[in-house]
Amino acid sequence: MFDNLRQDAESSPFYEEEGATKFQPASSTESFFSPPASSRRILGMTGVQRFVVVFMLFLAVCLIGGMALVILGKIGF
């Protein structure tokens, strides 16, 4: 029943259009998830962009924490 399954899958594309390129696996020297060693980017961002994101996250945590302290009555004005 499953003898020619791989050959059948390669010979007749189910969802692909005719002439579409097939998936090319990465070579063994390339890593799919890690950037080149010379790149200093994390998640595709430069150092300044990462700093801005982290600073905005810090401000959001401080603001939410301050609002929680006021609502819980731990500090007051």
PDB file of N, CA and C in Angstrom:
ATOM      1  N   MET A   1       0.821  -1.195   0.000  1.00  0.00           N
ATOM      2  CA  MET A   1       0.000   0.000   0.000  1.00  0.00           C
ATOM      3  C   MET A   1       0.869   1.266   0.000  1.00  0.00           C
ATOM      4  N   PHE A   2       1.948   1.263   0.792  1.00  0.00           N
ATOM      5  CA  PHE A   2       2.795   2.435   0.893  1.00  0.00           C
ATOM      6  C   PHE A   2       4.107   2.262   0.137  1.00  0.00           C
ATOM      7  N   ASP A   3       4.178   1.340  -0.758  1.00  0.00           N
ATOM      8  CA  ASP A   3       5.430   1.031  -1.442  1.00  0.00           C
ATOM      9  C   ASP A   3       5.941   2.202  -2.276  1.00  0.00           C
ATOM     10  N   ASN A   4       5.091   2.822  -3.044  1.00  0.00           N
ATOM     11  CA  ASN A   4       5.514   3.879  -3.963  1.00  0.00           C
ATOM     12  C   ASN A   4       5.043   5.260  -3.509  1.00  0.00           C
ATOM     13  N   LEU A   5       4.873   5.453  -2.241  1.00  0.00           N
ATOM     14  CA  LEU A   5       4.332   6.715  -1.742  1.00  0.00           C
ATOM     15  C   LEU A   5       5.260   7.885  -2.047  1.00  0.00           C
ATOM     16  N   ARG A   6       6.563   7.714  -1.823  1.00  0.00           N
ATOM     17  CA  ARG A   6       7.504   8.807  -2.070  1.00  0.00           C
ATOM     18  C   ARG A   6       7.584   9.133  -3.557  1.00  0.00           C
ATOM     19  N   GLN A   7       7.584   8.122  -4.403  1.00  0.00           N
ATOM     20  CA  GLN A   7       7.635   8.364  -5.841  1.00  0.00           C
ATOM     21  C   GLN A   7       6.368   9.051  -6.326  1.00  0.00           C
ATOM     22  N   ASP A   8       5.233   8.660  -5.791  1.00  0.00           N
ATOM     23  CA  ASP A   8       3.977   9.295  -6.182  1.00  0.00           C
ATOM     24  C   ASP A   8       3.953  10.760  -5.761  1.00  0.00           C
ATOM     25  N   ALA A   9       4.477  11.060  -4.591  1.00  0.00           N
ATOM     26  CA  ALA A   9       4.482  12.432  -4.105  1.00  0.00           C
ATOM     27  C   ALA A   9       5.398  13.311  -4.947  1.00  0.00           C
ATOM     28  N   GLU A  10       6.519  12.762  -5.400  1.00  0.00           N
ATOM     29  CA  GLU A  10       7.449  13.545  -6.210  1.00  0.00           C
ATOM     30  C   GLU A  10       6.956  13.726  -7.638  1.00  0.00           C
ATOM     31  N   SER A  11       6.238  12.746  -8.160  1.00  0.00           N
ATOM     32  CA  SER A  11       5.843  12.809  -9.567  1.00  0.00           C
ATOM     33  C   SER A  11       4.622  13.693  -9.795  1.00  0.00           C
ATOM     34  N   SER A  12       3.683  13.719  -8.887  1.00  0.00           N
ATOM     35  CA  SER A  12       2.477  14.512  -9.116  1.00  0.00           C
ATOM     36  C   SER A  12       2.290  15.506  -7.974  1.00  0.00           C
ATOM     37  N   PRO A  13       2.492  16.807  -8.252  1.00  0.00           N
ATOM     38  CA  PRO A  13       2.300  17.803  -7.198  1.00  0.00           C
ATOM     39  C   PRO A  13       0.821  17.920  -6.843  1.00  0.00           C
ATOM     40  N   PHE A  14       0.547  17.951  -5.572  1.00  0.00           N
ATOM     41  CA  PHE A  14      -0.844  18.006  -5.116  1.00  0.00           C
ATOM     42  C   PHE A  14      -1.362  19.438  -5.117  1.00  0.00           C
ATOM     43  N   TYR A  15      -0.608  20.355  -4.490  1.00  0.00           N
ATOM     44  CA  TYR A  15      -1.037  21.746  -4.412  1.00  0.00           C
ATOM     45  C   TYR A  15      -0.171  22.675  -5.246  1.00  0.00           C
ATOM     46  N   GLU A  16       0.967  22.211  -5.716  1.00  0.00           N
ATOM     47  CA  GLU A  16       1.877  23.064  -6.457  1.00  0.00           C
ATOM     48  C   GLU A  16       1.384  23.276  -7.880  1.00  0.00           C
ATOM     49  N   GLU A  17       1.749  24.432  -8.401  1.00  0.00           N
ATOM     50  CA  GLU A  17       1.470  24.697  -9.803  1.00  0.00           C
ATOM     51  C   GLU A  17       2.583  24.085 -10.628  1.00  0.00           C
ATOM     52  N   GLU A  18       2.291  23.824 -11.871  1.00  0.00           N
ATOM     53  CA  GLU A  18       3.321  23.271 -12.749  1.00  0.00           C
ATOM     54  C   GLU A  18       4.418  24.308 -12.933  1.00  0.00           C
ATOM     55  N   GLY A  19       5.643  23.861 -12.896  1.00  0.00           N
ATOM     56  CA  GLY A  19       6.774  24.748 -13.113  1.00  0.00           C
ATOM     57  C   GLY A  19       7.224  25.474 -11.866  1.00  0.00           C
ATOM     58  N   ALA A  20       6.572  25.256 -10.733  1.00  0.00           N
ATOM     59  CA  ALA A  20       6.988  25.916  -9.499  1.00  0.00           C
ATOM     60  C   ALA A  20       8.273  25.273  -9.003  1.00  0.00           C
ATOM     61  N   THR A  21       9.126  26.068  -8.420  1.00  0.00           N
ATOM     62  CA  THR A  21      10.379  25.531  -7.911  1.00  0.00           C
ATOM     63  C   THR A  21      10.128  24.754  -6.642  1.00  0.00           C
ATOM     64  N   LYS A  22      10.883  23.692  -6.458  1.00  0.00           N
ATOM     65  CA  LYS A  22      10.748  22.880  -5.264  1.00  0.00           C
ATOM     66  C   LYS A  22      11.633  23.429  -4.161  1.00  0.00           C
ATOM     67  N   PHE A  23      11.361  23.035  -2.955  1.00  0.00           N
ATOM     68  CA  PHE A  23      12.124  23.470  -1.791  1.00  0.00           C
ATOM     69  C   PHE A  23      13.564  22.992  -1.902  1.00  0.00           C
ATOM     70  N   GLN A  24      14.495  23.902  -1.704  1.00  0.00           N
ATOM     71  CA  GLN A  24      15.906  23.559  -1.736  1.00  0.00           C
ATOM     72  C   GLN A  24      16.433  23.592  -0.302  1.00  0.00           C
ATOM     73  N   PRO A  25      16.857  22.462   0.248  1.00  0.00           N
ATOM     74  CA  PRO A  25      17.374  22.475   1.612  1.00  0.00           C
ATOM     75  C   PRO A  25      18.684  23.251   1.692  1.00  0.00           C
ATOM     76  N   ALA A  26      18.927  23.840   2.853  1.00  0.00           N
ATOM     77  CA  ALA A  26      20.150  24.605   3.066  1.00  0.00           C
ATOM     78  C   ALA A  26      21.340  23.668   3.076  1.00  0.00           C
ATOM     79  N   SER A  27      22.465  24.192   2.682  1.00  0.00           N
ATOM     80  CA  SER A  27      23.661  23.355   2.695  1.00  0.00           C
ATOM     81  C   SER A  27      24.069  23.075   4.132  1.00  0.00           C
ATOM     82  N   SER A  28      24.915  22.104   4.313  1.00  0.00           N
ATOM     83  CA  SER A  28      25.294  21.694   5.668  1.00  0.00           C
ATOM     84  C   SER A  28      26.107  22.760   6.379  1.00  0.00           C
ATOM     85  N   THR A  29      26.740  23.684   5.646  1.00  0.00           N
ATOM     86  CA  THR A  29      27.538  24.722   6.297  1.00  0.00           C
ATOM     87  C   THR A  29      26.674  25.873   6.786  1.00  0.00           C
ATOM     88  N   GLU A  30      25.505  26.043   6.218  1.00  0.00           N
ATOM     89  CA  GLU A  30      24.620  27.126   6.636  1.00  0.00           C
ATOM     90  C   GLU A  30      23.709  26.657   7.753  1.00  0.00           C
ATOM     91  N   SER A  31      23.446  27.546   8.674  1.00  0.00           N
ATOM     92  CA  SER A  31      22.479  27.252   9.720  1.00  0.00           C
ATOM     93  C   SER A  31      21.213  28.022   9.409  1.00  0.00           C
ATOM     94  N   PHE A  32      20.080  27.387   9.538  1.00  0.00           N
ATOM     95  CA  PHE A  32      18.824  28.018   9.146  1.00  0.00           C
ATOM     96  C   PHE A  32      18.442  29.152  10.086  1.00  0.00           C
ATOM     97  N   PHE A  33      18.717  29.006  11.380  1.00  0.00           N
ATOM     98  CA  PHE A  33      18.239  29.973  12.351  1.00  0.00           C
ATOM     99  C   PHE A  33      19.279  30.999  12.765  1.00  0.00           C
ATOM    100  N   SER A  34      20.545  30.716  12.647  1.00  0.00           N
ATOM    101  CA  SER A  34      21.553  31.652  13.130  1.00  0.00           C
ATOM    102  C   SER A  34      22.061  32.522  11.995  1.00  0.00           C
ATOM    103  N   PRO A  35      22.256  33.819  12.282  1.00  0.00           N
ATOM    104  CA  PRO A  35      22.787  34.718  11.269  1.00  0.00           C
ATOM    105  C   PRO A  35      24.279  34.468  11.075  1.00  0.00           C
ATOM    106  N   PRO A  36      24.879  35.047  10.061  1.00  0.00           N
ATOM    107  CA  PRO A  36      26.311  34.896   9.878  1.00  0.00           C
ATOM    108  C   PRO A  36      27.084  35.410  11.091  1.00  0.00           C
ATOM    109  N   ALA A  37      28.273  34.891  11.283  1.00  0.00           N
ATOM    110  CA  ALA A  37      29.054  35.245  12.467  1.00  0.00           C
ATOM    111  C   ALA A  37      29.427  36.716  12.474  1.00  0.00           C
ATOM    112  N   SER A  38      29.558  37.337  11.310  1.00  0.00           N
ATOM    113  CA  SER A  38      29.957  38.736  11.261  1.00  0.00           C
ATOM    114  C   SER A  38      28.810  39.678  11.614  1.00  0.00           C
ATOM    115  N   SER A  39      27.584  39.203  11.610  1.00  0.00           N
ATOM    116  CA  SER A  39      26.427  40.041  11.896  1.00  0.00           C
ATOM    117  C   SER A  39      26.237  40.177  13.398  1.00  0.00           C
ATOM    118  N   ARG A  40      25.995  41.397  13.855  1.00  0.00           N
ATOM    119  CA  ARG A  40      25.760  41.660  15.266  1.00  0.00           C
ATOM    120  C   ARG A  40      24.283  41.940  15.528  1.00  0.00           C
ATOM    121  N   ARG A  41      23.415  41.440  14.713  1.00  0.00           N
ATOM    122  CA  ARG A  41      21.990  41.696  14.857  1.00  0.00           C
ATOM    123  C   ARG A  41      21.318  40.541  15.580  1.00  0.00           C
ATOM    124  N   ILE A  42      20.371  40.882  16.443  1.00  0.00           N
ATOM    125  CA  ILE A  42      19.542  39.898  17.119  1.00  0.00           C
ATOM    126  C   ILE A  42      18.107  40.199  16.712  1.00  0.00           C
ATOM    127  N   LEU A  43      17.414  39.213  16.223  1.00  0.00           N
ATOM    128  CA  LEU A  43      16.043  39.344  15.719  1.00  0.00           C
ATOM    129  C   LEU A  43      15.957  40.392  14.608  1.00  0.00           C
ATOM    130  N   GLY A  44      17.048  40.595  13.885  1.00  0.00           N
ATOM    131  CA  GLY A  44      17.050  41.527  12.767  1.00  0.00           C
ATOM    132  C   GLY A  44      17.114  42.978  13.178  1.00  0.00           C
ATOM    133  N   MET A  45      17.447  43.272  14.439  1.00  0.00           N
ATOM    134  CA  MET A  45      17.495  44.650  14.917  1.00  0.00           C
ATOM    135  C   MET A  45      18.925  45.047  15.238  1.00  0.00           C
ATOM    136  N   THR A  46      19.202  46.317  15.084  1.00  0.00           N
ATOM    137  CA  THR A  46      20.501  46.846  15.468  1.00  0.00           C
ATOM    138  C   THR A  46      20.506  47.080  16.973  1.00  0.00           C
ATOM    139  N   GLY A  47      21.655  47.474  17.499  1.00  0.00           N
ATOM    140  CA  GLY A  47      21.769  47.722  18.930  1.00  0.00           C
ATOM    141  C   GLY A  47      20.863  48.856  19.402  1.00  0.00           C
ATOM    142  N   VAL A  48      20.767  49.922  18.617  1.00  0.00           N
ATOM    143  CA  VAL A  48      19.922  51.061  18.998  1.00  0.00           C
ATOM    144  C   VAL A  48      18.449  50.657  19.007  1.00  0.00           C
ATOM    145  N   GLN A  49      18.037  49.879  18.028  1.00  0.00           N
ATOM    146  CA  GLN A  49      16.646  49.433  17.980  1.00  0.00           C
ATOM    147  C   GLN A  49      16.325  48.527  19.161  1.00  0.00           C
ATOM    148  N   ARG A  50      17.248  47.633  19.520  1.00  0.00           N
ATOM    149  CA  ARG A  50      17.025  46.778  20.689  1.00  0.00           C
ATOM    150  C   ARG A  50      16.932  47.616  21.957  1.00  0.00           C
ATOM    151  N   PHE A  51      17.768  48.642  22.083  1.00  0.00           N
ATOM    152  CA  PHE A  51      17.718  49.501  23.258  1.00  0.00           C
ATOM    153  C   PHE A  51      16.368  50.204  23.370  1.00  0.00           C
ATOM    154  N   VAL A  52      15.853  50.708  22.273  1.00  0.00           N
ATOM    155  CA  VAL A  52      14.557  51.403  22.293  1.00  0.00           C
ATOM    156  C   VAL A  52      13.446  50.447  22.713  1.00  0.00           C
ATOM    157  N   VAL A  53      13.451  49.229  22.197  1.00  0.00           N
ATOM    158  CA  VAL A  53      12.420  48.241  22.555  1.00  0.00           C
ATOM    159  C   VAL A  53      12.517  47.896  24.039  1.00  0.00           C
ATOM    160  N   VAL A  54      13.726  47.663  24.539  1.00  0.00           N
ATOM    161  CA  VAL A  54      13.900  47.317  25.948  1.00  0.00           C
ATOM    162  C   VAL A  54      13.528  48.496  26.841  1.00  0.00           C
ATOM    163  N   PHE A  55      13.869  49.710  26.435  1.00  0.00           N
ATOM    164  CA  PHE A  55      13.520  50.888  27.234  1.00  0.00           C
ATOM    165  C   PHE A  55      12.006  51.079  27.295  1.00  0.00           C
ATOM    166  N   MET A  56      11.306  50.879  26.177  1.00  0.00           N
ATOM    167  CA  MET A  56       9.841  50.987  26.193  1.00  0.00           C
ATOM    168  C   MET A  56       9.230  49.901  27.070  1.00  0.00           C
ATOM    169  N   LEU A  57       9.785  48.702  27.044  1.00  0.00           N
ATOM    170  CA  LEU A  57       9.312  47.635  27.920  1.00  0.00           C
ATOM    171  C   LEU A  57       9.530  48.001  29.387  1.00  0.00           C
ATOM    172  N   PHE A  58      10.686  48.566  29.698  1.00  0.00           N
ATOM    173  CA  PHE A  58      10.977  49.013  31.062  1.00  0.00           C
ATOM    174  C   PHE A  58       9.975  50.070  31.525  1.00  0.00           C
ATOM    175  N   LEU A  59       9.682  51.043  30.664  1.00  0.00           N
ATOM    176  CA  LEU A  59       8.712  52.082  31.026  1.00  0.00           C
ATOM    177  C   LEU A  59       7.309  51.496  31.239  1.00  0.00           C
ATOM    178  N   ALA A  60       6.924  50.544  30.410  1.00  0.00           N
ATOM    179  CA  ALA A  60       5.610  49.923  30.560  1.00  0.00           C
ATOM    180  C   ALA A  60       5.518  49.179  31.887  1.00  0.00           C
ATOM    181  N   VAL A  61       6.582  48.462  32.271  1.00  0.00           N
ATOM    182  CA  VAL A  61       6.572  47.731  33.540  1.00  0.00           C
ATOM    183  C   VAL A  61       6.513  48.708  34.709  1.00  0.00           C
ATOM    184  N   CYS A  62       7.266  49.787  34.638  1.00  0.00           N
ATOM    185  CA  CYS A  62       7.235  50.790  35.711  1.00  0.00           C
ATOM    186  C   CYS A  62       5.859  51.437  35.826  1.00  0.00           C
ATOM    187  N   LEU A  63       5.259  51.773  34.711  1.00  0.00           N
ATOM    188  CA  LEU A  63       3.945  52.410  34.718  1.00  0.00           C
ATOM    189  C   LEU A  63       2.876  51.467  35.261  1.00  0.00           C
ATOM    190  N   ILE A  64       2.868  50.230  34.827  1.00  0.00           N
ATOM    191  CA  ILE A  64       1.877  49.262  35.304  1.00  0.00           C
ATOM    192  C   ILE A  64       2.082  48.976  36.787  1.00  0.00           C
ATOM    193  N   GLY A  65       3.346  48.857  37.206  1.00  0.00           N
ATOM    194  CA  GLY A  65       3.627  48.636  38.622  1.00  0.00           C
ATOM    195  C   GLY A  65       3.192  49.809  39.480  1.00  0.00           C
ATOM    196  N   GLY A  66       3.447  51.022  39.014  1.00  0.00           N
ATOM    197  CA  GLY A  66       3.011  52.209  39.751  1.00  0.00           C
ATOM    198  C   GLY A  66       1.498  52.300  39.854  1.00  0.00           C
ATOM    199  N   MET A  67       0.800  51.997  38.775  1.00  0.00           N
ATOM    200  CA  MET A  67      -0.670  52.018  38.817  1.00  0.00           C
ATOM    201  C   MET A  67      -1.191  50.943  39.770  1.00  0.00           C
ATOM    202  N   ALA A  68      -0.540  49.789  39.787  1.00  0.00           N
ATOM    203  CA  ALA A  68      -0.970  48.732  40.698  1.00  0.00           C
ATOM    204  C   ALA A  68      -0.776  49.155  42.148  1.00  0.00           C
ATOM    205  N   LEU A  69       0.327  49.829  42.459  1.00  0.00           N
ATOM    206  CA  LEU A  69       0.558  50.299  43.829  1.00  0.00           C
ATOM    207  C   LEU A  69      -0.484  51.333  44.246  1.00  0.00           C
ATOM    208  N   VAL A  70      -0.847  52.230  43.340  1.00  0.00           N
ATOM    209  CA  VAL A  70      -1.866  53.242  43.668  1.00  0.00           C
ATOM    210  C   VAL A  70      -3.220  52.579  43.852  1.00  0.00           C
ATOM    211  N   ILE A  71      -3.592  51.658  42.992  1.00  0.00           N
ATOM    212  CA  ILE A  71      -4.896  50.994  43.077  1.00  0.00           C
ATOM    213  C   ILE A  71      -4.998  50.156  44.341  1.00  0.00           C
ATOM    214  N   LEU A  72      -3.926  49.481  44.720  1.00  0.00           N
ATOM    215  CA  LEU A  72      -3.938  48.645  45.923  1.00  0.00           C
ATOM    216  C   LEU A  72      -3.798  49.454  47.200  1.00  0.00           C
ATOM    217  N   GLY A  73      -3.543  50.737  47.076  1.00  0.00           N
ATOM    218  CA  GLY A  73      -3.464  51.603  48.249  1.00  0.00           C
ATOM    219  C   GLY A  73      -2.147  51.523  48.982  1.00  0.00           C
ATOM    220  N   LYS A  74      -1.126  51.003  48.365  1.00  0.00           N
ATOM    221  CA  LYS A  74       0.196  50.904  49.018  1.00  0.00           C
ATOM    222  C   LYS A  74       0.882  52.258  49.049  1.00  0.00           C
ATOM    223  N   ILE A  75       0.599  53.115  48.062  1.00  0.00           N
ATOM    224  CA  ILE A  75       1.087  54.483  48.067  1.00  0.00           C
ATOM    225  C   ILE A  75      -0.087  55.375  47.723  1.00  0.00           C
ATOM    226  N   GLY A  76      -0.021  56.607  48.120  1.00  0.00           N
ATOM    227  CA  GLY A  76      -1.105  57.527  47.833  1.00  0.00           C
ATOM    228  C   GLY A  76      -0.586  58.926  47.616  1.00  0.00           C
ATOM    229  N   PHE A  77      -1.428  59.763  47.104  1.00  0.00           N
ATOM    230  CA  PHE A  77      -1.018  61.140  46.846  1.00  0.00           C
ATOM    231  C   PHE A  77      -1.659  62.055  47.839  1.00  0.00           C
TER     232      PHE A  77
END
